[in-house]
Amino acid sequence: MRRRPRIVVGILSVLTLILATIAGIAGASFATAAPDTVVGNPFARGPDPTKESIEAERGPFAVATEKVPGGKGFGGGTIHYPTDTSQGTFGAIAVAPGFTESESAIAWYGPRLASQGFVVITISTNGLWDLPASRADQLLAALRHVTDASQIKSRVDRDRLAVMGHSMGGGGSLIAARNNPALKATIPLTGWNPNTSFSDLKVPTFVVSAQNDFIAPDGSHSRPFYQSLPASLNKAYMRLAGVGHMAPVNPNVTIAKYSISWLKRFVDNDTRYSQFLCPLPTGDPKIAAYEGTCPLS
């Protein structure tokens, strides 16, 4: 009977060792369960994406703003940025409005994109009638302000920049990408530009058009833009069903979720978002046509 305590202690010691070993193995398994893209990619920001997360009105990041006056090479605007300082720097995106439009026309992209983990500047142009080439210059000037002169410049990765724009702002986003091939992405939204050839573009391009666009008809602008892009380029083309030229001016889940996925994939090099781009989307009644590069490189 006197030996039983020793036997019990011995058994408990062995059980403790076994449980510790199991816990260690389980811990190692959970530690490696995070997506390889996050472990190996210093630019990935935020939790694993889902269909619900990219369609949500707001993403996982809280957002603050900084107003920018005119006179900086563009007509002023608003910088929207994540308040989180624990995940390093963020890529930056400049968004331009179209002909006769002010910043308010594209303002919704600011908080929508910033809450997904980007610094976003939504701008007004120097003049309401500025043509696409001028809007291109102003998009690039806006990015320079964000990276070099803004109050939150230390939170921005100057090597991960992108541009977007509506109508003539969309034409400007294509020209800006041509003028600065170091950009990581460009997204023309029902873009308008008299020159539709962008065969020399080197920046991943997501072209968004509208089925009922009578201002920048798909067959005269967006479709030729896309068809002119190099075959080797990462590119996609989405024609929205049943809407017109002004569709990108109002909050739009379809535009948002694919734009977020494109920007995450190419600005952040985050392949967790490839699942929303490849295989190519099908069966969505809100999309009249979708083409693109698959797989993405």
Protein backbone atom coordinates (compact mmCIF):
# COMPACT_ATOMS: atom_id res chain seq x y z
CA MET A 1 0.00 0.00 0.00
CA ARG A 2 2.88 2.34 0.68
CA ARG A 3 4.04 2.01 -2.93
CA ARG A 4 0.77 3.20 -4.43
CA PRO A 5 1.44 6.94 -4.06
CA ARG A 6 4.69 6.48 -5.96
CA ILE A 7 2.92 4.48 -8.66
CA VAL A 8 0.20 7.11 -8.94
CA VAL A 9 2.76 9.89 -9.11
CA GLY A 10 4.61 7.99 -11.82
CA ILE A 11 1.46 7.46 -13.84
CA LEU A 12 0.50 11.12 -13.51
CA SER A 13 3.97 12.17 -14.64
CA VAL A 14 3.71 10.00 -17.74
CA LEU A 15 0.22 11.32 -18.52
CA THR A 16 1.42 14.89 -18.06
CA LEU A 17 4.28 14.26 -20.49
CA ILE A 18 1.93 12.68 -23.04
CA LEU A 19 -0.56 15.54 -22.79
CA ALA A 20 2.22 18.11 -23.10
CA THR A 21 3.50 16.34 -26.21
CA ILE A 22 0.01 16.24 -27.74
CA ALA A 23 -0.51 19.91 -26.92
CA GLY A 24 2.80 20.76 -28.54
CA ILE A 25 1.87 18.90 -31.71
CA ALA A 26 -1.56 20.51 -31.78
CA GLY A 27 -0.05 23.92 -31.19
CA ALA A 28 2.35 23.42 -34.06
CA SER A 29 -0.54 22.36 -36.28
CA PHE A 30 -2.57 25.44 -35.42
CA ALA A 31 0.48 27.68 -35.87
CA THR A 32 0.91 26.45 -39.44
CA ALA A 33 -2.81 26.60 -40.19
CA ALA A 34 -2.55 30.26 -41.18
CA PRO A 35 -2.47 30.69 -44.97
CA ASP A 36 1.02 30.40 -46.43
CA THR A 37 0.43 33.70 -48.21
CA VAL A 38 0.19 35.50 -44.88
CA VAL A 39 3.20 33.74 -43.39
CA GLY A 40 5.33 34.43 -46.46
CA ASN A 41 3.87 37.79 -47.50
CA PRO A 42 4.78 40.86 -45.43
CA PHE A 43 2.12 42.94 -47.20
CA ALA A 44 -0.96 40.86 -46.35
CA ARG A 45 -3.31 42.81 -44.09
CA GLY A 46 -6.40 41.69 -42.22
CA PRO A 47 -8.06 38.32 -41.57
CA ASP A 48 -8.75 35.64 -44.15
CA PRO A 49 -11.31 37.03 -46.62
CA THR A 50 -14.74 35.58 -47.26
CA LYS A 51 -17.48 36.39 -49.75
CA GLU A 52 -19.25 38.21 -46.94
CA SER A 53 -16.18 40.24 -45.97
CA ILE A 54 -15.53 41.60 -49.47
CA GLU A 55 -19.21 42.43 -49.94
CA ALA A 56 -19.55 44.19 -46.58
CA GLU A 57 -20.05 47.94 -46.45
CA ARG A 58 -17.07 48.14 -44.08
CA GLY A 59 -14.05 45.91 -43.66
CA PRO A 60 -12.15 44.94 -40.49
CA PHE A 61 -10.18 48.19 -40.10
CA ALA A 62 -11.40 51.32 -38.31
CA VAL A 63 -10.84 54.39 -40.49
CA ALA A 64 -9.92 58.04 -39.88
CA THR A 65 -9.63 60.90 -42.37
CA GLU A 66 -7.35 63.81 -43.23
CA LYS A 67 -8.58 66.69 -45.38
CA VAL A 68 -6.28 67.96 -48.12
CA PRO A 69 -6.69 71.49 -49.54
CA GLY A 70 -6.22 72.32 -53.21
CA GLY A 71 -2.97 73.61 -54.60
CA LYS A 72 -1.05 70.35 -54.29
CA GLY A 73 -1.19 69.53 -57.99
CA PHE A 74 -4.84 68.48 -57.77
CA GLY A 75 -8.06 70.01 -56.51
CA GLY A 76 -7.84 68.78 -52.94
CA GLY A 77 -9.51 65.80 -51.38
CA THR A 78 -9.74 63.46 -48.43
CA ILE A 79 -7.31 60.82 -47.22
CA HIS A 80 -9.00 57.82 -45.63
CA TYR A 81 -6.66 55.56 -43.67
CA PRO A 82 -6.75 52.62 -41.24
CA THR A 83 -6.12 53.65 -37.64
CA ASP A 84 -4.36 50.34 -36.93
CA THR A 85 -0.61 50.86 -36.53
CA SER A 86 0.21 47.28 -35.52
CA GLN A 87 0.36 45.74 -39.00
CA GLY A 88 2.96 47.92 -40.68
CA THR A 89 2.43 50.19 -43.65
CA PHE A 90 -0.44 50.10 -46.14
CA GLY A 91 -0.65 50.44 -49.90
CA ALA A 92 -2.21 53.67 -51.22
CA ILE A 93 -4.89 54.27 -53.84
CA ALA A 94 -5.90 57.53 -55.54
CA VAL A 95 -9.44 57.83 -56.92
CA ALA A 96 -10.52 60.53 -59.40
CA PRO A 97 -14.01 61.67 -60.44
CA GLY A 98 -15.28 62.14 -63.97
CA PHE A 99 -16.08 65.08 -66.23
CA THR A 100 -17.93 67.86 -64.34
CA GLU A 101 -17.89 65.75 -61.16
CA SER A 102 -16.49 66.68 -57.76
CA GLU A 103 -14.97 64.45 -55.10
CA SER A 104 -18.44 63.59 -53.81
CA ALA A 105 -19.03 61.42 -56.89
CA ILE A 106 -16.36 58.94 -55.80
CA ALA A 107 -16.33 59.61 -52.05
CA TRP A 108 -17.80 56.22 -51.14
CA TYR A 109 -14.65 54.42 -52.30
CA GLY A 110 -12.66 56.10 -49.51
CA PRO A 111 -14.07 54.39 -46.41
CA ARG A 112 -15.03 51.25 -48.33
CA LEU A 113 -11.47 50.53 -49.47
CA ALA A 114 -9.65 51.98 -46.46
CA SER A 115 -11.58 49.73 -44.09
CA GLN A 116 -10.17 46.77 -46.03
CA GLY A 117 -6.60 47.88 -45.35
CA PHE A 118 -5.57 50.64 -47.76
CA VAL A 119 -4.79 54.33 -47.55
CA VAL A 120 -7.17 55.97 -50.02
CA ILE A 121 -7.23 59.54 -51.31
CA THR A 122 -10.43 60.61 -53.05
CA ILE A 123 -9.84 63.82 -54.98
CA SER A 124 -11.46 66.71 -56.73
CA THR A 125 -9.74 67.85 -59.89
CA ASN A 126 -8.35 71.32 -60.53
CA GLY A 127 -11.18 71.97 -62.98
CA LEU A 128 -14.48 70.22 -63.55
CA TRP A 129 -13.73 70.06 -67.28
CA ASP A 130 -10.20 68.64 -67.01
CA LEU A 131 -9.51 66.02 -69.66
CA PRO A 132 -8.21 62.49 -68.95
CA ALA A 133 -4.53 63.37 -69.41
CA SER A 134 -4.82 66.11 -66.80
CA ARG A 135 -6.68 63.77 -64.46
CA ALA A 136 -3.84 61.27 -64.85
CA ASP A 137 -1.33 63.88 -63.72
CA GLN A 138 -3.54 64.78 -60.78
CA LEU A 139 -3.92 61.16 -59.69
CA LEU A 140 -0.15 60.81 -59.58
CA ALA A 141 0.19 64.16 -57.78
CA ALA A 142 -2.30 62.95 -55.19
CA LEU A 143 -0.25 59.81 -54.59
CA ARG A 144 2.91 61.90 -54.21
CA HIS A 145 1.17 64.04 -51.63
CA VAL A 146 0.08 60.98 -49.66
CA THR A 147 3.56 59.44 -49.67
CA ASP A 148 5.64 62.61 -49.25
CA ALA A 149 3.63 65.32 -47.51
CA SER A 150 0.56 63.95 -45.74
CA GLN A 151 0.31 63.69 -41.97
CA ILE A 152 0.14 59.91 -42.26
CA LYS A 153 2.93 59.43 -44.81
CA SER A 154 4.81 57.13 -42.40
CA ARG A 155 1.91 54.66 -42.64
CA VAL A 156 2.14 54.39 -46.43
CA ASP A 157 4.28 52.05 -48.51
CA ARG A 158 5.40 54.20 -51.44
CA ASP A 159 6.19 51.08 -53.46
CA ARG A 160 2.59 49.82 -53.39
CA LEU A 161 0.40 52.36 -55.15
CA ALA A 162 -2.67 52.18 -57.41
CA VAL A 163 -5.15 54.42 -59.22
CA MET A 164 -8.87 54.34 -59.99
CA GLY A 165 -11.28 56.73 -61.62
CA HIS A 166 -14.76 57.19 -63.02
CA SER A 167 -15.45 58.23 -66.63
CA MET A 168 -12.69 60.67 -67.65
CA GLY A 169 -11.11 59.83 -64.31
CA GLY A 170 -11.09 56.23 -65.51
CA GLY A 171 -9.38 57.28 -68.72
CA GLY A 172 -6.97 59.19 -66.50
CA SER A 173 -6.28 56.07 -64.45
CA LEU A 174 -5.17 54.22 -67.59
CA ILE A 175 -2.94 57.09 -68.69
CA ALA A 176 -1.48 57.36 -65.18
CA ALA A 177 -0.62 53.65 -65.31
CA ARG A 178 1.07 54.16 -68.67
CA ASN A 179 3.03 57.13 -67.32
CA ASN A 180 4.03 55.31 -64.13
CA PRO A 181 4.53 51.59 -64.81
CA ALA A 182 5.63 51.10 -61.19
CA LEU A 183 1.99 51.30 -60.11
CA LYS A 184 0.59 48.01 -58.86
CA ALA A 185 -2.95 48.31 -60.24
CA THR A 186 -5.35 50.49 -62.20
CA ILE A 187 -9.15 50.31 -62.29
CA PRO A 188 -11.02 52.43 -64.89
CA LEU A 189 -14.71 52.60 -63.95
CA THR A 190 -16.89 53.14 -67.04
CA GLY A 191 -13.82 54.92 -68.37
CA TRP A 192 -13.79 57.50 -71.15
CA ASN A 193 -10.78 58.31 -73.30
CA PRO A 194 -10.55 59.16 -77.02
CA ASN A 195 -7.43 57.02 -77.45
CA THR A 196 -8.44 53.45 -76.68
CA SER A 197 -5.08 51.75 -77.29
CA PHE A 198 -3.12 50.74 -74.19
CA SER A 199 -1.02 47.99 -75.73
CA ASP A 200 2.05 49.23 -73.87
CA LEU A 201 0.52 49.04 -70.38
CA LYS A 202 2.49 47.07 -67.79
CA VAL A 203 0.19 47.59 -64.79
CA PRO A 204 -2.44 44.96 -63.80
CA THR A 205 -5.72 46.39 -65.10
CA PHE A 206 -9.34 45.75 -64.11
CA VAL A 207 -11.74 47.36 -66.62
CA VAL A 208 -15.30 47.96 -65.41
CA SER A 209 -17.99 48.87 -67.95
CA ALA A 210 -21.78 49.18 -67.98
CA GLN A 211 -24.24 47.50 -70.32
CA ASN A 212 -26.43 50.58 -70.76
CA ASP A 213 -23.70 53.22 -70.90
CA PHE A 214 -24.57 55.81 -73.54
CA ILE A 215 -21.92 58.34 -72.45
CA ALA A 216 -18.89 56.06 -72.71
CA PRO A 217 -20.40 53.13 -74.62
CA ASP A 218 -18.76 49.82 -73.87
CA GLY A 219 -18.02 49.14 -77.53
CA SER A 220 -16.29 52.49 -77.96
CA HIS A 221 -14.31 52.70 -74.72
CA SER A 222 -14.07 49.93 -72.10
CA ARG A 223 -14.12 47.00 -74.50
CA PRO A 224 -11.41 48.45 -76.77
CA PHE A 225 -9.37 49.39 -73.68
CA TYR A 226 -9.41 45.79 -72.55
CA GLN A 227 -8.82 44.27 -75.97
CA SER A 228 -5.78 46.49 -76.51
CA LEU A 229 -4.02 45.30 -73.35
CA PRO A 230 -1.04 42.96 -73.79
CA ALA A 231 -1.87 39.26 -73.71
CA SER A 232 0.78 38.74 -71.04
CA LEU A 233 -0.74 41.31 -68.66
CA ASN A 234 -2.79 40.41 -65.61
CA LYS A 235 -6.12 41.89 -66.66
CA ALA A 236 -9.87 41.53 -66.22
CA TYR A 237 -12.99 43.00 -67.81
CA MET A 238 -16.40 43.20 -66.17
CA ARG A 239 -19.53 44.55 -67.86
CA LEU A 240 -22.26 45.36 -65.35
CA ALA A 241 -25.76 44.26 -66.34
CA GLY A 242 -28.68 46.65 -66.70
CA VAL A 243 -26.96 49.82 -65.51
CA GLY A 244 -25.53 52.93 -67.12
CA HIS A 245 -22.55 55.25 -67.04
CA MET A 246 -23.22 56.58 -63.55
CA ALA A 247 -23.33 53.17 -61.84
CA PRO A 248 -19.87 53.61 -60.23
CA VAL A 249 -20.95 56.87 -58.56
CA ASN A 250 -23.22 55.08 -56.09
CA PRO A 251 -22.17 52.36 -53.63
CA ASN A 252 -22.16 49.13 -55.59
CA VAL A 253 -21.40 45.74 -54.06
CA THR A 254 -20.35 44.16 -57.36
CA ILE A 255 -17.86 46.91 -58.16
CA ALA A 256 -16.60 46.95 -54.58
CA LYS A 257 -15.96 43.26 -54.08
CA TYR A 258 -14.06 42.74 -57.32
CA SER A 259 -12.13 46.01 -56.96
CA ILE A 260 -11.15 45.04 -53.41
CA SER A 261 -10.04 41.61 -54.62
CA TRP A 262 -8.03 43.12 -57.49
CA LEU A 263 -6.33 45.68 -55.26
CA LYS A 264 -5.58 43.12 -52.55
CA ARG A 265 -4.16 40.71 -55.09
CA PHE A 266 -1.86 43.20 -56.79
CA VAL A 267 -1.19 46.03 -54.33
CA ASP A 268 -0.74 43.67 -51.38
CA ASN A 269 0.34 40.63 -53.41
CA ASP A 270 -2.23 38.77 -51.32
CA THR A 271 -3.14 35.54 -53.09
CA ARG A 272 -5.87 34.83 -50.53
CA TYR A 273 -8.02 37.02 -52.81
CA SER A 274 -7.29 35.09 -56.01
CA GLN A 275 -10.24 32.82 -55.20
CA PHE A 276 -12.64 35.67 -56.00
CA LEU A 277 -11.03 36.37 -59.38
CA CYS A 278 -10.20 32.87 -60.64
CA PRO A 279 -12.03 30.86 -61.82
CA LEU A 280 -13.73 33.74 -63.61
CA PRO A 281 -17.02 34.77 -61.97
CA THR A 282 -20.10 33.24 -63.59
CA GLY A 283 -23.81 33.03 -62.88
CA ASP A 284 -24.18 36.49 -61.34
CA PRO A 285 -27.22 38.28 -62.81
CA LYS A 286 -25.58 41.62 -62.03
CA ILE A 287 -22.73 40.85 -64.44
CA ALA A 288 -23.42 40.79 -68.18
CA ALA A 289 -19.90 39.64 -69.09
CA TYR A 290 -16.63 38.86 -67.34
CA GLU A 291 -13.29 38.00 -68.94
CA GLY A 292 -9.81 37.88 -67.55
CA THR A 293 -6.45 36.29 -67.02
CA CYS A 294 -6.53 32.98 -65.16
CA PRO A 295 -4.46 31.94 -63.42
CA LEU A 296 -3.12 35.27 -62.23
CA SER A 297 0.64 35.66 -62.03
